[in-house]
Amino acid sequence: MLKPLLQLCFFVLFSIQGYSQAISLDSLKQLRKAALNENLTNEEILSINRAFKTTLIEFLETSDWKKSPFDSIPYFARLTSPDKVFDLFCWNVGLAEGEFKYFAIMAHHPTERVIAFTDQSDKLYDVEYKKLDQNNWFGALYYEVIPVKLKKEVYYTVLGWDGHNDFTTKKVIDAFRIDEKGFVRFDQIVFKYKGNQKSRVVFEYSERANMSLKYNEKAELIIFDHLAPFQEGAESIFEFYGPDLSFDGFELSKGVWNFVEDVDARSPNTMENYIDPRKNKLNLNSPK
């Protein structure tokens, strides 16, 4: 199985250097489809994905890609920051035992740099308090980018989804800035939660449950389901956690996100049309 797929990878890597932009985008589609084959081993999937990542970087560095229809690539997302500073491309691969590996590439327009994020989730601990960067990234599939002004600088809050494993799902609120050299730093301590200051907020809950996490721009409020154990004695056993029909939030004030309990779900800050990505683990086109 691996040999013909690797032959495809070598063909694509060769063709992108000598053919048109249209063929390059088609090459990305072929590689992405190949990596979604459920009959492959982890080694085969990761090998094809390396070729996909290399091809994507080459495509972004050498072609006029901004009007390319990236939505034709299956289970792959392109996010443009509202201030047009960058485009962020996100995807994942599903591995054995229900685990995922996450990937992101940023095209930073002011510096014309193409920046790869390296997922180190499986090596990180106390992740809510860690200062990270593009080479030490808490991987997730981002679906919303929120620019925030703090003093004279701008940082970006992102909402993301992590399938985690067969037992639990995670949602994440993270924040990063881009320094003067175009380096991405996840070092913004901007989440105030019950007396604690955090670099990011991670929610973990049963893979059988659906958790809402969405931004209301008008109210400058990130609103989400409050999670609680389904039964007594299951505190901190997150495979037994799910929404309890109440909502909490993070409200933006002077560039900092402050935790707010018991947000009124009858207000405009509701979760209309929410669909959890667990229903299609790789589908980045699902609503938040």
C-alpha atoms as a PDB file:
ATOM      1  CA  MET A   1       0.000   0.000   0.000  1.00  0.00           C
ATOM      2  CA  LEU A   2       2.735   2.438   0.944  1.00  0.00           C
ATOM      3  CA  LYS A   3       4.776   2.154  -2.262  1.00  0.00           C
ATOM      4  CA  PRO A   4       2.197   3.539  -4.758  1.00  0.00           C
ATOM      5  CA  LEU A   5       1.198   6.273  -2.307  1.00  0.00           C
ATOM      6  CA  LEU A   6       4.808   7.347  -1.895  1.00  0.00           C
ATOM      7  CA  GLN A   7       5.185   7.304  -5.659  1.00  0.00           C
ATOM      8  CA  LEU A   8       2.232   9.723  -5.785  1.00  0.00           C
ATOM      9  CA  CYS A   9       3.963  11.937  -3.197  1.00  0.00           C
ATOM     10  CA  PHE A  10       7.196  12.066  -5.208  1.00  0.00           C
ATOM     11  CA  PHE A  11       5.223  12.833  -8.378  1.00  0.00           C
ATOM     12  CA  VAL A  12       3.391  15.689  -6.682  1.00  0.00           C
ATOM     13  CA  LEU A  13       6.553  17.176  -5.185  1.00  0.00           C
ATOM     14  CA  PHE A  14       8.198  17.074  -8.599  1.00  0.00           C
ATOM     15  CA  SER A  15       5.224  18.448 -10.501  1.00  0.00           C
ATOM     16  CA  ILE A  16       4.709  21.449  -8.243  1.00  0.00           C
ATOM     17  CA  GLN A  17       8.105  22.779  -9.314  1.00  0.00           C
ATOM     18  CA  GLY A  18       7.436  22.524 -13.033  1.00  0.00           C
ATOM     19  CA  TYR A  19       3.722  22.937 -13.647  1.00  0.00           C
ATOM     20  CA  SER A  20       0.971  25.477 -13.212  1.00  0.00           C
ATOM     21  CA  GLN A  21      -0.755  26.737 -10.063  1.00  0.00           C
ATOM     22  CA  ALA A  22      -3.903  24.757 -10.953  1.00  0.00           C
ATOM     23  CA  ILE A  23      -1.956  21.488 -10.999  1.00  0.00           C
ATOM     24  CA  SER A  24      -0.276  22.424  -7.712  1.00  0.00           C
ATOM     25  CA  LEU A  25      -3.647  22.904  -6.016  1.00  0.00           C
ATOM     26  CA  ASP A  26      -4.834  19.635  -7.556  1.00  0.00           C
ATOM     27  CA  SER A  27      -1.737  17.964  -6.133  1.00  0.00           C
ATOM     28  CA  LEU A  28      -2.681  19.185  -2.664  1.00  0.00           C
ATOM     29  CA  LYS A  29      -6.159  17.701  -3.102  1.00  0.00           C
ATOM     30  CA  GLN A  30      -4.735  14.342  -4.172  1.00  0.00           C
ATOM     31  CA  LEU A  31      -2.351  14.166  -1.233  1.00  0.00           C
ATOM     32  CA  ARG A  32      -5.002  15.197   1.268  1.00  0.00           C
ATOM     33  CA  LYS A  33      -7.413  12.579  -0.042  1.00  0.00           C
ATOM     34  CA  ALA A  34      -4.683   9.946   0.151  1.00  0.00           C
ATOM     35  CA  ALA A  35      -3.985  10.795   3.815  1.00  0.00           C
ATOM     36  CA  LEU A  36      -7.661  10.236   4.696  1.00  0.00           C
ATOM     37  CA  ASN A  37      -7.559   6.564   3.705  1.00  0.00           C
ATOM     38  CA  GLU A  38      -8.715   4.699   6.816  1.00  0.00           C
ATOM     39  CA  ASN A  39      -6.942   1.506   5.718  1.00  0.00           C
ATOM     40  CA  LEU A  40      -3.467   3.010   6.090  1.00  0.00           C
ATOM     41  CA  THR A  41      -1.101   2.593   9.012  1.00  0.00           C
ATOM     42  CA  ASN A  42      -0.034   5.553  11.141  1.00  0.00           C
ATOM     43  CA  GLU A  43       3.349   5.500   9.421  1.00  0.00           C
ATOM     44  CA  GLU A  44       1.749   5.678   5.987  1.00  0.00           C
ATOM     45  CA  ILE A  45      -0.637   8.466   6.982  1.00  0.00           C
ATOM     46  CA  LEU A  46       2.130  10.586   8.487  1.00  0.00           C
ATOM     47  CA  SER A  47       4.393   9.989   5.482  1.00  0.00           C
ATOM     48  CA  ILE A  48       1.740  11.223   3.056  1.00  0.00           C
ATOM     49  CA  ASN A  49       0.906  14.126   5.357  1.00  0.00           C
ATOM     50  CA  ARG A  50       4.564  15.223   5.374  1.00  0.00           C
ATOM     51  CA  ALA A  51       4.396  15.404   1.585  1.00  0.00           C
ATOM     52  CA  PHE A  52       1.139  17.390   1.829  1.00  0.00           C
ATOM     53  CA  LYS A  53       2.690  19.859   4.290  1.00  0.00           C
ATOM     54  CA  THR A  54       5.832  20.294   2.163  1.00  0.00           C
ATOM     55  CA  THR A  55       3.726  20.836  -0.946  1.00  0.00           C
ATOM     56  CA  LEU A  56       1.495  23.381   0.809  1.00  0.00           C
ATOM     57  CA  ILE A  57       4.485  25.403   2.007  1.00  0.00           C
ATOM     58  CA  GLU A  58       5.974  25.324  -1.492  1.00  0.00           C
ATOM     59  CA  PHE A  59       2.650  26.394  -2.970  1.00  0.00           C
ATOM     60  CA  LEU A  60       2.323  29.340  -0.569  1.00  0.00           C
ATOM     61  CA  GLU A  61       5.907  30.453  -1.145  1.00  0.00           C
ATOM     62  CA  THR A  62       5.996  30.254  -4.944  1.00  0.00           C
ATOM     63  CA  SER A  63       2.516  30.878  -6.343  1.00  0.00           C
ATOM     64  CA  ASP A  64      -0.141  33.570  -6.464  1.00  0.00           C
ATOM     65  CA  TRP A  65      -2.387  31.597  -4.156  1.00  0.00           C
ATOM     66  CA  LYS A  66      -4.661  34.205  -2.528  1.00  0.00           C
ATOM     67  CA  LYS A  67      -7.634  33.578  -4.815  1.00  0.00           C
ATOM     68  CA  SER A  68      -7.172  29.804  -4.911  1.00  0.00           C
ATOM     69  CA  PRO A  69     -10.246  27.727  -3.941  1.00  0.00           C
ATOM     70  CA  PHE A  70      -8.778  25.996  -0.896  1.00  0.00           C
ATOM     71  CA  ASP A  71     -12.246  24.818   0.072  1.00  0.00           C
ATOM     72  CA  SER A  72     -11.849  22.194  -2.649  1.00  0.00           C
ATOM     73  CA  ILE A  73      -9.288  20.418  -0.430  1.00  0.00           C
ATOM     74  CA  PRO A  74     -11.192  17.959   1.791  1.00  0.00           C
ATOM     75  CA  TYR A  75     -11.302  18.527   5.551  1.00  0.00           C
ATOM     76  CA  PHE A  76      -9.002  21.532   5.401  1.00  0.00           C
ATOM     77  CA  ALA A  77      -9.642  25.102   6.563  1.00  0.00           C
ATOM     78  CA  ARG A  78      -8.362  28.505   5.554  1.00  0.00           C
ATOM     79  CA  LEU A  79      -8.956  31.304   8.072  1.00  0.00           C
ATOM     80  CA  THR A  80      -8.230  34.918   7.188  1.00  0.00           C
ATOM     81  CA  SER A  81      -7.741  37.219  10.159  1.00  0.00           C
ATOM     82  CA  PRO A  82     -10.343  40.015  10.205  1.00  0.00           C
ATOM     83  CA  ASP A  83      -7.551  42.610   9.932  1.00  0.00           C
ATOM     84  CA  LYS A  84      -6.067  40.792   6.883  1.00  0.00           C
ATOM     85  CA  VAL A  85      -2.661  40.375   8.571  1.00  0.00           C
ATOM     86  CA  PHE A  86      -2.461  36.629   7.952  1.00  0.00           C
ATOM     87  CA  ASP A  87      -4.094  33.550   6.520  1.00  0.00           C
ATOM     88  CA  LEU A  88      -4.037  30.449   8.667  1.00  0.00           C
ATOM     89  CA  PHE A  89      -4.417  26.950   7.212  1.00  0.00           C
ATOM     90  CA  CYS A  90      -5.467  24.160   9.606  1.00  0.00           C
ATOM     91  CA  TRP A  91      -5.971  20.417   9.286  1.00  0.00           C
ATOM     92  CA  ASN A  92      -5.476  17.183  11.198  1.00  0.00           C
ATOM     93  CA  VAL A  93      -4.922  13.494  10.613  1.00  0.00           C
ATOM     94  CA  GLY A  94      -6.670  10.716  12.469  1.00  0.00           C
ATOM     95  CA  LEU A  95      -4.414   8.008  13.881  1.00  0.00           C
ATOM     96  CA  ALA A  96      -4.951   4.646  15.543  1.00  0.00           C
ATOM     97  CA  GLU A  97      -6.774   4.458  18.891  1.00  0.00           C
ATOM     98  CA  GLY A  98      -8.808   7.579  18.126  1.00  0.00           C
ATOM     99  CA  GLU A  99      -5.921  10.033  18.425  1.00  0.00           C
ATOM    100  CA  PHE A 100      -5.243  13.052  16.244  1.00  0.00           C
ATOM    101  CA  LYS A 101      -2.245  15.065  15.124  1.00  0.00           C
ATOM    102  CA  TYR A 102      -2.750  18.730  14.270  1.00  0.00           C
ATOM    103  CA  PHE A 103      -1.089  20.974  11.715  1.00  0.00           C
ATOM    104  CA  ALA A 104      -1.197  24.686  10.929  1.00  0.00           C
ATOM    105  CA  ILE A 105       0.593  26.914   8.431  1.00  0.00           C
ATOM    106  CA  MET A 106       0.438  30.706   8.635  1.00  0.00           C
ATOM    107  CA  ALA A 107       1.016  33.018   5.687  1.00  0.00           C
ATOM    108  CA  HIS A 108       2.038  36.265   7.391  1.00  0.00           C
ATOM    109  CA  HIS A 109       1.467  39.071   4.913  1.00  0.00           C
ATOM    110  CA  PRO A 110       3.585  41.931   6.388  1.00  0.00           C
ATOM    111  CA  THR A 111       6.773  39.825   6.405  1.00  0.00           C
ATOM    112  CA  GLU A 112       5.753  37.492   3.542  1.00  0.00           C
ATOM    113  CA  ARG A 113       6.814  34.597   5.721  1.00  0.00           C
ATOM    114  CA  VAL A 114       5.250  31.137   5.693  1.00  0.00           C
ATOM    115  CA  ILE A 115       5.265  29.803   9.250  1.00  0.00           C
ATOM    116  CA  ALA A 116       4.673  26.180  10.271  1.00  0.00           C
ATOM    117  CA  PHE A 117       3.272  25.306  13.714  1.00  0.00           C
ATOM    118  CA  THR A 118       4.535  22.129  15.410  1.00  0.00           C
ATOM    119  CA  ASP A 119       2.010  20.248  17.539  1.00  0.00           C
ATOM    120  CA  GLN A 120       3.565  19.243  20.871  1.00  0.00           C
ATOM    121  CA  SER A 121       0.313  18.554  22.728  1.00  0.00           C
ATOM    122  CA  ASP A 122       1.343  15.068  23.828  1.00  0.00           C
ATOM    123  CA  LYS A 123       4.478  16.468  25.527  1.00  0.00           C
ATOM    124  CA  LEU A 124       2.902  19.406  27.352  1.00  0.00           C
ATOM    125  CA  TYR A 125       1.582  19.538  30.925  1.00  0.00           C
ATOM    126  CA  ASP A 126      -0.110  22.348  32.898  1.00  0.00           C
ATOM    127  CA  VAL A 127      -0.851  23.650  29.435  1.00  0.00           C
ATOM    128  CA  GLU A 128      -3.190  26.426  30.584  1.00  0.00           C
ATOM    129  CA  TYR A 129      -0.273  28.203  32.246  1.00  0.00           C
ATOM    130  CA  LYS A 130       2.472  27.552  29.678  1.00  0.00           C
ATOM    131  CA  LYS A 131       4.021  30.186  27.454  1.00  0.00           C
ATOM    132  CA  LEU A 132       4.340  28.495  24.070  1.00  0.00           C
ATOM    133  CA  ASP A 133       5.326  29.383  20.523  1.00  0.00           C
ATOM    134  CA  GLN A 134       4.996  28.111  16.960  1.00  0.00           C
ATOM    135  CA  ASN A 135       7.504  25.303  17.644  1.00  0.00           C
ATOM    136  CA  ASN A 136       5.751  24.238  20.850  1.00  0.00           C
ATOM    137  CA  TRP A 137       2.094  24.442  19.947  1.00  0.00           C
ATOM    138  CA  PHE A 138      -0.990  23.115  21.688  1.00  0.00           C
ATOM    139  CA  GLY A 139      -2.534  21.775  18.501  1.00  0.00           C
ATOM    140  CA  ALA A 140      -6.191  22.258  17.611  1.00  0.00           C
ATOM    141  CA  LEU A 141      -8.426  22.917  14.635  1.00  0.00           C
ATOM    142  CA  TYR A 142      -9.126  26.651  14.772  1.00  0.00           C
ATOM    143  CA  TYR A 143     -12.447  27.906  13.498  1.00  0.00           C
ATOM    144  CA  GLU A 144     -12.502  31.555  14.623  1.00  0.00           C
ATOM    145  CA  VAL A 145      -9.913  34.351  14.901  1.00  0.00           C
ATOM    146  CA  ILE A 146     -10.562  37.412  17.088  1.00  0.00           C
ATOM    147  CA  PRO A 147      -8.121  40.372  16.925  1.00  0.00           C
ATOM    148  CA  VAL A 148      -7.760  42.120  20.285  1.00  0.00           C
ATOM    149  CA  LYS A 149      -6.002  45.407  21.008  1.00  0.00           C
ATOM    150  CA  LEU A 150      -3.987  45.444  24.233  1.00  0.00           C
ATOM    151  CA  LYS A 151      -2.355  48.794  24.889  1.00  0.00           C
ATOM    152  CA  LYS A 152      -0.535  49.588  21.623  1.00  0.00           C
ATOM    153  CA  GLU A 153      -0.279  45.999  20.377  1.00  0.00           C
ATOM    154  CA  VAL A 154      -2.656  43.532  18.770  1.00  0.00           C
ATOM    155  CA  TYR A 155      -2.925  39.879  19.716  1.00  0.00           C
ATOM    156  CA  TYR A 156      -5.225  37.209  18.338  1.00  0.00           C
ATOM    157  CA  THR A 157      -7.644  35.056  20.284  1.00  0.00           C
ATOM    158  CA  VAL A 158      -8.556  31.780  18.583  1.00  0.00           C
ATOM    159  CA  LEU A 159     -11.262  29.200  19.237  1.00  0.00           C
ATOM    160  CA  GLY A 160     -10.460  25.587  18.429  1.00  0.00           C
ATOM    161  CA  TRP A 161     -11.504  21.946  18.608  1.00  0.00           C
ATOM    162  CA  ASP A 162      -9.431  18.904  19.578  1.00  0.00           C
ATOM    163  CA  GLY A 163     -10.865  15.409  19.134  1.00  0.00           C
ATOM    164  CA  HIS A 164      -8.337  14.187  21.737  1.00  0.00           C
ATOM    165  CA  ASN A 165      -9.200  10.453  21.896  1.00  0.00           C
ATOM    166  CA  ASP A 166     -11.996   7.879  21.929  1.00  0.00           C
ATOM    167  CA  PHE A 167     -13.176   8.992  25.383  1.00  0.00           C
ATOM    168  CA  THR A 168     -13.006  12.782  25.543  1.00  0.00           C
ATOM    169  CA  THR A 169     -13.117  15.845  23.314  1.00  0.00           C
ATOM    170  CA  LYS A 170     -11.501  19.199  24.021  1.00  0.00           C
ATOM    171  CA  LYS A 171     -12.293  22.783  23.124  1.00  0.00           C
ATOM    172  CA  VAL A 172      -9.649  25.484  23.512  1.00  0.00           C
ATOM    173  CA  ILE A 173      -9.471  29.265  23.721  1.00  0.00           C
ATOM    174  CA  ASP A 174      -5.925  30.349  22.975  1.00  0.00           C
ATOM    175  CA  ALA A 175      -4.113  33.610  22.231  1.00  0.00           C
ATOM    176  CA  PHE A 176      -1.004  34.541  20.302  1.00  0.00           C
ATOM    177  CA  ARG A 177       0.887  37.556  19.056  1.00  0.00           C
ATOM    178  CA  ILE A 178       3.210  37.942  16.098  1.00  0.00           C
ATOM    179  CA  ASP A 179       6.448  39.686  17.052  1.00  0.00           C
ATOM    180  CA  GLU A 180       8.429  42.148  14.956  1.00  0.00           C
ATOM    181  CA  LYS A 181      10.369  39.311  13.313  1.00  0.00           C
ATOM    182  CA  GLY A 182       7.203  37.427  12.358  1.00  0.00           C
ATOM    183  CA  PHE A 183       7.587  34.799  15.094  1.00  0.00           C
ATOM    184  CA  VAL A 184       4.333  33.471  16.558  1.00  0.00           C
ATOM    185  CA  ARG A 185       4.274  33.510  20.349  1.00  0.00           C
ATOM    186  CA  PHE A 186       1.507  31.975  22.472  1.00  0.00           C
ATOM    187  CA  ASP A 187       2.594  33.955  25.534  1.00  0.00           C
ATOM    188  CA  GLN A 188      -0.357  36.237  26.204  1.00  0.00           C
ATOM    189  CA  ILE A 189      -1.604  35.839  29.789  1.00  0.00           C
ATOM    190  CA  VAL A 190      -4.980  37.415  29.078  1.00  0.00           C
ATOM    191  CA  PHE A 191      -7.565  35.029  30.560  1.00  0.00           C
ATOM    192  CA  LYS A 192      -8.738  35.839  34.098  1.00  0.00           C
ATOM    193  CA  TYR A 193     -10.558  32.832  35.542  1.00  0.00           C
ATOM    194  CA  LYS A 194     -11.677  32.661  39.176  1.00  0.00           C
ATOM    195  CA  GLY A 195      -8.614  34.420  40.529  1.00  0.00           C
ATOM    196  CA  ASN A 196      -6.179  32.704  38.164  1.00  0.00           C
ATOM    197  CA  GLN A 197      -4.444  34.206  35.143  1.00  0.00           C
ATOM    198  CA  LYS A 198      -4.049  31.820  32.233  1.00  0.00           C
ATOM    199  CA  SER A 199      -2.383  31.680  28.838  1.00  0.00           C
ATOM    200  CA  ARG A 200      -5.226  29.595  27.421  1.00  0.00           C
ATOM    201  CA  VAL A 201      -8.386  27.830  28.549  1.00  0.00           C
ATOM    202  CA  VAL A 202      -8.968  24.138  27.790  1.00  0.00           C
ATOM    203  CA  PHE A 203     -12.303  22.392  28.238  1.00  0.00           C
ATOM    204  CA  GLU A 204     -12.472  18.584  28.307  1.00  0.00           C
ATOM    205  CA  TYR A 205     -15.686  16.579  28.196  1.00  0.00           C
ATOM    206  CA  SER A 206     -17.243  13.296  27.091  1.00  0.00           C
ATOM    207  CA  GLU A 207     -16.890  12.445  23.408  1.00  0.00           C
ATOM    208  CA  ARG A 208     -20.619  11.634  23.508  1.00  0.00           C
ATOM    209  CA  ALA A 209     -21.501  15.232  24.441  1.00  0.00           C
ATOM    210  CA  ASN A 210     -21.672  18.455  22.420  1.00  0.00           C
ATOM    211  CA  MET A 211     -20.126  21.612  23.843  1.00  0.00           C
ATOM    212  CA  SER A 212     -20.836  25.078  22.453  1.00  0.00           C
ATOM    213  CA  LEU A 213     -17.995  27.607  22.195  1.00  0.00           C
ATOM    214  CA  LYS A 214     -18.662  30.726  20.159  1.00  0.00           C
ATOM    215  CA  TYR A 215     -17.825  34.420  19.981  1.00  0.00           C
ATOM    216  CA  ASN A 216     -20.466  37.145  20.010  1.00  0.00           C
ATOM    217  CA  GLU A 217     -18.775  40.113  18.347  1.00  0.00           C
ATOM    218  CA  LYS A 218     -21.424  42.665  19.250  1.00  0.00           C
ATOM    219  CA  ALA A 219     -21.232  41.834  22.965  1.00  0.00           C
ATOM    220  CA  GLU A 220     -17.453  41.161  22.875  1.00  0.00           C
ATOM    221  CA  LEU A 221     -18.195  37.932  24.693  1.00  0.00           C
ATOM    222  CA  ILE A 222     -17.004  34.358  24.244  1.00  0.00           C
ATOM    223  CA  ILE A 223     -19.876  32.193  25.438  1.00  0.00           C
ATOM    224  CA  PHE A 224     -19.813  28.483  26.155  1.00  0.00           C
ATOM    225  CA  ASP A 225     -21.653  25.632  27.840  1.00  0.00           C
ATOM    226  CA  HIS A 226     -20.895  25.113  31.501  1.00  0.00           C
ATOM    227  CA  LEU A 227     -19.524  21.584  31.942  1.00  0.00           C
ATOM    228  CA  ALA A 228     -20.339  19.363  34.891  1.00  0.00           C
ATOM    229  CA  PRO A 229     -20.119  15.615  35.690  1.00  0.00           C
ATOM    230  CA  PHE A 230     -23.117  13.509  34.732  1.00  0.00           C
ATOM    231  CA  GLN A 231     -23.093  11.719  38.095  1.00  0.00           C
ATOM    232  CA  GLU A 232     -21.849  12.123  41.653  1.00  0.00           C
ATOM    233  CA  GLY A 233     -18.308  10.978  42.336  1.00  0.00           C
ATOM    234  CA  ALA A 234     -17.135  11.677  38.778  1.00  0.00           C
ATOM    235  CA  GLU A 235     -15.460  15.007  39.490  1.00  0.00           C
ATOM    236  CA  SER A 236     -12.321  15.463  37.317  1.00  0.00           C
ATOM    237  CA  ILE A 237     -13.124  12.301  35.325  1.00  0.00           C
ATOM    238  CA  PHE A 238     -13.792  14.174  32.115  1.00  0.00           C
ATOM    239  CA  GLU A 239     -15.239  11.314  30.092  1.00  0.00           C
ATOM    240  CA  PHE A 240     -18.301  11.779  32.342  1.00  0.00           C
ATOM    241  CA  TYR A 241     -18.559  15.553  31.770  1.00  0.00           C
ATOM    242  CA  GLY A 242     -21.024  17.411  29.593  1.00  0.00           C
ATOM    243  CA  PRO A 243     -23.157  20.592  29.411  1.00  0.00           C
ATOM    244  CA  ASP A 244     -25.573  21.202  32.306  1.00  0.00           C
ATOM    245  CA  LEU A 245     -27.833  23.622  30.353  1.00  0.00           C
ATOM    246  CA  SER A 246     -26.216  26.745  31.797  1.00  0.00           C
ATOM    247  CA  PHE A 247     -23.744  29.077  30.089  1.00  0.00           C
ATOM    248  CA  ASP A 248     -20.598  30.917  31.132  1.00  0.00           C
ATOM    249  CA  GLY A 249     -18.408  33.321  29.217  1.00  0.00           C
ATOM    250  CA  PHE A 250     -15.307  35.449  28.865  1.00  0.00           C
ATOM    251  CA  GLU A 251     -16.028  39.147  28.506  1.00  0.00           C
ATOM    252  CA  LEU A 252     -13.485  41.450  26.890  1.00  0.00           C
ATOM    253  CA  SER A 253     -12.435  44.465  28.952  1.00  0.00           C
ATOM    254  CA  LYS A 254      -9.362  46.601  28.226  1.00  0.00           C
ATOM    255  CA  GLY A 255      -7.807  43.836  26.153  1.00  0.00           C
ATOM    256  CA  VAL A 256      -8.272  41.111  28.783  1.00  0.00           C
ATOM    257  CA  TRP A 257     -10.811  38.263  28.886  1.00  0.00           C
ATOM    258  CA  ASN A 258     -12.639  38.136  32.233  1.00  0.00           C
ATOM    259  CA  PHE A 259     -14.630  35.066  33.267  1.00  0.00           C
ATOM    260  CA  VAL A 260     -18.374  35.617  33.712  1.00  0.00           C
ATOM    261  CA  GLU A 261     -20.682  33.016  35.265  1.00  0.00           C
ATOM    262  CA  ASP A 262     -24.293  32.296  34.358  1.00  0.00           C
ATOM    263  CA  VAL A 263     -24.609  34.109  31.063  1.00  0.00           C
ATOM    264  CA  ASP A 264     -28.279  34.422  30.124  1.00  0.00           C
ATOM    265  CA  ALA A 265     -28.785  32.011  27.212  1.00  0.00           C
ATOM    266  CA  ARG A 266     -32.011  33.803  26.324  1.00  0.00           C
ATOM    267  CA  SER A 267     -30.010  36.899  25.370  1.00  0.00           C
ATOM    268  CA  PRO A 268     -28.551  37.440  21.865  1.00  0.00           C
ATOM    269  CA  ASN A 269     -25.489  35.488  23.084  1.00  0.00           C
ATOM    270  CA  THR A 270     -26.979  32.086  22.246  1.00  0.00           C
ATOM    271  CA  MET A 271     -25.534  29.097  20.378  1.00  0.00           C
ATOM    272  CA  GLU A 272     -27.871  28.872  17.428  1.00  0.00           C
ATOM    273  CA  ASN A 273     -27.201  26.169  14.845  1.00  0.00           C
ATOM    274  CA  TYR A 274     -24.267  24.678  16.755  1.00  0.00           C
ATOM    275  CA  ILE A 275     -22.887  21.388  15.405  1.00  0.00           C
ATOM    276  CA  ASP A 276     -20.054  19.585  17.200  1.00  0.00           C
ATOM    277  CA  PRO A 277     -17.160  18.539  14.923  1.00  0.00           C
ATOM    278  CA  ARG A 278     -17.234  15.093  16.613  1.00  0.00           C
ATOM    279  CA  LYS A 279     -20.066  14.271  14.196  1.00  0.00           C
ATOM    280  CA  ASN A 280     -17.446  14.459  11.479  1.00  0.00           C
ATOM    281  CA  LYS A 281     -14.067  14.414  13.194  1.00  0.00           C
ATOM    282  CA  LEU A 282     -12.160  15.928  10.296  1.00  0.00           C
ATOM    283  CA  ASN A 283     -14.794  18.337   9.017  1.00  0.00           C
ATOM    284  CA  LEU A 284     -13.575  21.881   9.505  1.00  0.00           C
ATOM    285  CA  ASN A 285     -16.573  23.351   7.717  1.00  0.00           C
ATOM    286  CA  SER A 286     -18.959  22.598  10.588  1.00  0.00           C
ATOM    287  CA  PRO A 287     -20.496  25.551  12.426  1.00  0.00           C
ATOM    288  CA  LYS A 288     -18.958  26.465  15.758  1.00  0.00           C
END
